[in-house]
Amino acid sequence: LGSNTKQEFCYSGGISSYVQHLNKTKNPLHQEIIHLVSSKSNIEVELSLQWTDSYHETCFCYTNNIPQRDGGSHLSGFRAGLTRTFNQFIEKELSSIKSKPNITGDDIREGLTSIVSVKVPDPKFSSQTKDKLVSSEVKPVVEHVISEQLENFLLEKPSEAKTIINKTIEAARAREAARKARELTRRKSALD
């Protein structure tokens, strides 16, 4: 990480209140909102996440407090780090289960409400309206923060981790069942 890295691991903050507000009509799977803060290479990253029993992902991205409707490099770093962390954690923790489904990023993000906020000294956007962040140096920093600190959370809070993983596995099984049903329907119509 280097000497210019500062880390903090906590469960409350400004964007956490926003996640709580977004989830007030939903049923959270865990009461504590996961709040991750870190800075590296003059890029500050702040993330808040909470899984609910809904089926849709809600994610808002900000760069220097400016919203990005289309996400960008911070969103892709967040998704890549989240997927990798969960797949590694599930592989370690559930290595004895033979029938675990193949889990995708969409399965992990099902029911997730998250805020991804970065502070970047010289951000680059795709257009004048700043709808998408294209600063390539942001992605690896966000990916590193989510990978390292989310794994710590999952290890420190095993009951919350188990609840989130169970929802992820259910989502993967439902996706697989839907795929098989579509294939069966297409085969039947081809035989007609």
Protein backbone atom coordinates (compact mmCIF):
# COMPACT_ATOMS: atom_id res chain seq x y z
CA LEU A 1 0.00 0.00 0.00
CA GLY A 2 2.80 2.42 0.65
CA SER A 3 3.32 5.15 3.19
CA ASN A 4 0.76 7.54 1.65
CA THR A 5 -2.17 5.26 2.57
CA LYS A 6 -4.61 6.10 5.35
CA GLN A 7 -7.36 3.64 6.34
CA GLU A 8 -10.38 3.71 8.56
CA PHE A 9 -12.93 0.96 9.22
CA CYS A 10 -16.19 2.13 10.75
CA TYR A 11 -19.94 1.65 10.47
CA SER A 12 -21.46 5.13 10.42
CA GLY A 13 -21.09 8.29 8.40
CA GLY A 14 -22.78 10.85 6.17
CA ILE A 15 -23.43 8.59 3.19
CA SER A 16 -24.52 5.83 5.58
CA SER A 17 -27.45 8.02 6.56
CA TYR A 18 -28.31 8.28 2.86
CA VAL A 19 -28.27 4.47 2.50
CA GLN A 20 -30.47 4.20 5.59
CA HIS A 21 -32.89 6.71 4.04
CA LEU A 22 -32.97 4.80 0.73
CA ASN A 23 -33.75 1.56 2.58
CA LYS A 24 -36.42 2.89 4.93
CA THR A 25 -39.23 1.18 2.94
CA LYS A 26 -37.24 -2.06 2.49
CA ASN A 27 -36.29 -4.88 4.86
CA PRO A 28 -32.51 -4.82 5.48
CA LEU A 29 -30.79 -8.20 5.81
CA HIS A 30 -28.36 -6.71 8.34
CA GLN A 31 -28.94 -3.69 10.56
CA GLU A 32 -25.44 -2.25 10.45
CA ILE A 33 -24.64 -0.29 7.32
CA ILE A 34 -21.20 -1.24 6.05
CA HIS A 35 -19.16 1.96 5.81
CA LEU A 36 -15.67 1.82 4.33
CA VAL A 37 -13.28 4.77 4.12
CA SER A 38 -9.74 4.86 2.77
CA SER A 39 -7.37 7.03 0.78
CA LYS A 40 -4.49 6.08 -1.48
CA SER A 41 -2.50 8.04 -4.06
CA ASN A 42 -4.41 11.26 -3.23
CA ILE A 43 -7.74 9.54 -3.99
CA GLU A 44 -10.21 9.33 -1.12
CA VAL A 45 -12.80 6.55 -1.28
CA GLU A 46 -15.94 6.32 0.85
CA LEU A 47 -18.41 3.46 0.44
CA SER A 48 -21.62 2.57 2.24
CA LEU A 49 -23.57 -0.61 1.56
CA GLN A 50 -26.51 -2.55 2.90
CA TRP A 51 -28.29 -5.58 1.49
CA THR A 52 -32.08 -5.81 1.58
CA ASP A 53 -34.58 -8.52 0.70
CA SER A 54 -35.50 -6.74 -2.56
CA TYR A 55 -34.40 -7.95 -6.00
CA HIS A 56 -33.01 -4.72 -7.43
CA GLU A 57 -29.65 -3.05 -7.02
CA THR A 58 -29.55 0.64 -6.10
CA CYS A 59 -26.19 2.35 -6.53
CA PHE A 60 -25.33 6.05 -6.59
CA CYS A 61 -21.89 7.30 -7.61
CA TYR A 62 -20.24 10.62 -6.76
CA THR A 63 -16.95 12.27 -7.64
CA ASN A 64 -16.05 15.32 -5.54
CA ASN A 65 -19.74 15.42 -4.48
CA ILE A 66 -20.88 15.58 -8.14
CA PRO A 67 -23.31 12.77 -9.04
CA GLN A 68 -22.50 10.49 -12.00
CA ARG A 69 -25.69 9.08 -13.48
CA ASP A 70 -23.75 6.66 -15.70
CA GLY A 71 -21.18 5.62 -13.09
CA GLY A 72 -17.71 5.23 -14.53
CA SER A 73 -14.36 3.94 -13.35
CA HIS A 74 -15.31 4.15 -9.64
CA LEU A 75 -18.43 2.04 -10.26
CA SER A 76 -16.54 -0.57 -12.30
CA GLY A 77 -13.85 -0.76 -9.59
CA PHE A 78 -16.53 -1.17 -6.93
CA ARG A 79 -18.30 -3.95 -8.84
CA ALA A 80 -15.06 -5.79 -9.70
CA GLY A 81 -13.81 -5.65 -6.11
CA LEU A 82 -17.18 -6.69 -4.68
CA THR A 83 -17.46 -9.69 -7.02
CA ARG A 84 -13.89 -10.84 -6.46
CA THR A 85 -14.11 -10.47 -2.67
CA PHE A 86 -17.36 -12.41 -2.40
CA ASN A 87 -16.24 -15.17 -4.76
CA GLN A 88 -13.00 -15.64 -2.80
CA PHE A 89 -14.83 -15.55 0.54
CA ILE A 90 -17.47 -18.03 -0.63
CA GLU A 91 -14.80 -20.30 -2.07
CA LYS A 92 -12.94 -20.34 1.28
CA GLU A 93 -15.96 -20.58 3.56
CA LEU A 94 -18.11 -22.96 1.50
CA SER A 95 -15.41 -25.18 0.00
CA SER A 96 -17.06 -28.28 1.52
CA ILE A 97 -20.39 -27.74 -0.28
CA LYS A 98 -20.40 -29.63 -3.57
CA SER A 99 -23.58 -28.17 -5.10
CA LYS A 100 -22.91 -24.46 -4.77
CA PRO A 101 -23.96 -22.57 -7.90
CA ASN A 102 -21.73 -20.44 -10.10
CA ILE A 103 -22.12 -16.95 -8.60
CA THR A 104 -22.01 -13.80 -10.75
CA GLY A 105 -21.71 -10.13 -9.83
CA ASP A 106 -25.44 -9.65 -10.47
CA ASP A 107 -26.23 -12.35 -7.88
CA ILE A 108 -24.05 -10.60 -5.31
CA ARG A 109 -25.56 -7.17 -6.01
CA GLU A 110 -29.19 -8.33 -5.87
CA GLY A 111 -30.91 -6.25 -3.17
CA LEU A 112 -27.80 -4.13 -2.55
CA THR A 113 -28.12 -0.43 -1.82
CA SER A 114 -24.78 1.35 -2.12
CA ILE A 115 -23.16 4.75 -2.37
CA VAL A 116 -19.72 5.07 -3.99
CA SER A 117 -18.06 8.43 -3.35
CA VAL A 118 -14.56 9.38 -4.41
CA LYS A 119 -12.53 12.57 -4.03
CA VAL A 120 -10.10 12.94 -6.94
CA PRO A 121 -7.67 15.87 -7.40
CA ASP A 122 -8.12 16.14 -11.20
CA PRO A 123 -11.12 14.08 -12.33
CA LYS A 124 -11.78 13.40 -16.01
CA PHE A 125 -15.36 12.97 -17.23
CA SER A 126 -16.73 11.63 -20.49
CA SER A 127 -18.71 14.79 -21.25
CA GLN A 128 -19.39 18.34 -20.16
CA THR A 129 -22.37 17.14 -18.07
CA LYS A 130 -20.05 14.95 -15.93
CA ASP A 131 -22.37 11.92 -16.19
CA LYS A 132 -19.50 9.40 -16.26
CA LEU A 133 -16.07 9.37 -14.59
CA VAL A 134 -13.32 8.17 -16.92
CA SER A 135 -10.22 8.71 -14.72
CA SER A 136 -8.52 5.32 -15.06
CA GLU A 137 -6.47 5.69 -11.85
CA VAL A 138 -9.65 5.56 -9.73
CA LYS A 139 -10.71 1.99 -10.58
CA PRO A 140 -7.80 0.10 -8.94
CA VAL A 141 -7.98 2.26 -5.80
CA VAL A 142 -11.72 1.63 -5.32
CA GLU A 143 -11.26 -2.06 -6.12
CA HIS A 144 -8.49 -2.34 -3.52
CA VAL A 145 -10.54 -0.58 -0.81
CA ILE A 146 -13.64 -2.73 -1.30
CA SER A 147 -11.60 -5.95 -1.56
CA GLU A 148 -9.54 -5.43 1.57
CA GLN A 149 -12.07 -3.80 3.88
CA LEU A 150 -15.15 -5.80 2.88
CA GLU A 151 -13.26 -9.01 3.57
CA ASN A 152 -12.45 -7.67 7.05
CA PHE A 153 -16.14 -6.92 7.62
CA LEU A 154 -17.18 -10.42 6.48
CA LEU A 155 -14.63 -12.03 8.80
CA GLU A 156 -15.54 -9.83 11.78
CA LYS A 157 -19.32 -10.23 11.34
CA PRO A 158 -19.96 -13.90 10.49
CA SER A 159 -23.74 -13.80 11.05
CA GLU A 160 -24.17 -10.86 8.64
CA ALA A 161 -21.81 -12.54 6.17
CA LYS A 162 -23.85 -15.75 6.31
CA THR A 163 -27.11 -13.86 5.68
CA ILE A 164 -25.66 -12.00 2.67
CA ILE A 165 -24.10 -15.16 1.23
CA ASN A 166 -27.37 -17.10 1.62
CA LYS A 167 -29.19 -14.38 -0.35
CA THR A 168 -26.46 -14.47 -3.01
CA ILE A 169 -26.71 -18.25 -3.37
CA GLU A 170 -30.53 -18.04 -3.60
CA ALA A 171 -30.19 -15.41 -6.35
CA ALA A 172 -27.74 -17.63 -8.28
CA ARG A 173 -30.05 -20.65 -7.99
CA ALA A 174 -33.05 -18.59 -9.13
CA ARG A 175 -31.10 -17.27 -12.12
CA GLU A 176 -30.03 -20.81 -13.03
CA ALA A 177 -33.62 -22.13 -12.70
CA ALA A 178 -34.90 -19.30 -14.93
CA ARG A 179 -32.26 -20.09 -17.54
CA LYS A 180 -33.22 -23.78 -17.56
CA ALA A 181 -36.91 -22.89 -17.85
CA ARG A 182 -36.18 -20.63 -20.85
CA GLU A 183 -34.15 -23.37 -22.54
CA LEU A 184 -36.90 -25.91 -21.94
CA THR A 185 -39.52 -23.56 -23.38
CA ARG A 186 -37.38 -22.88 -26.48
CA ARG A 187 -36.79 -26.60 -27.04
CA LYS A 188 -40.52 -27.32 -26.80
CA SER A 189 -41.37 -24.58 -29.31
CA ALA A 190 -38.66 -25.85 -31.69
CA LEU A 191 -40.17 -29.34 -31.57
CA ASP A 192 -43.63 -27.97 -32.42
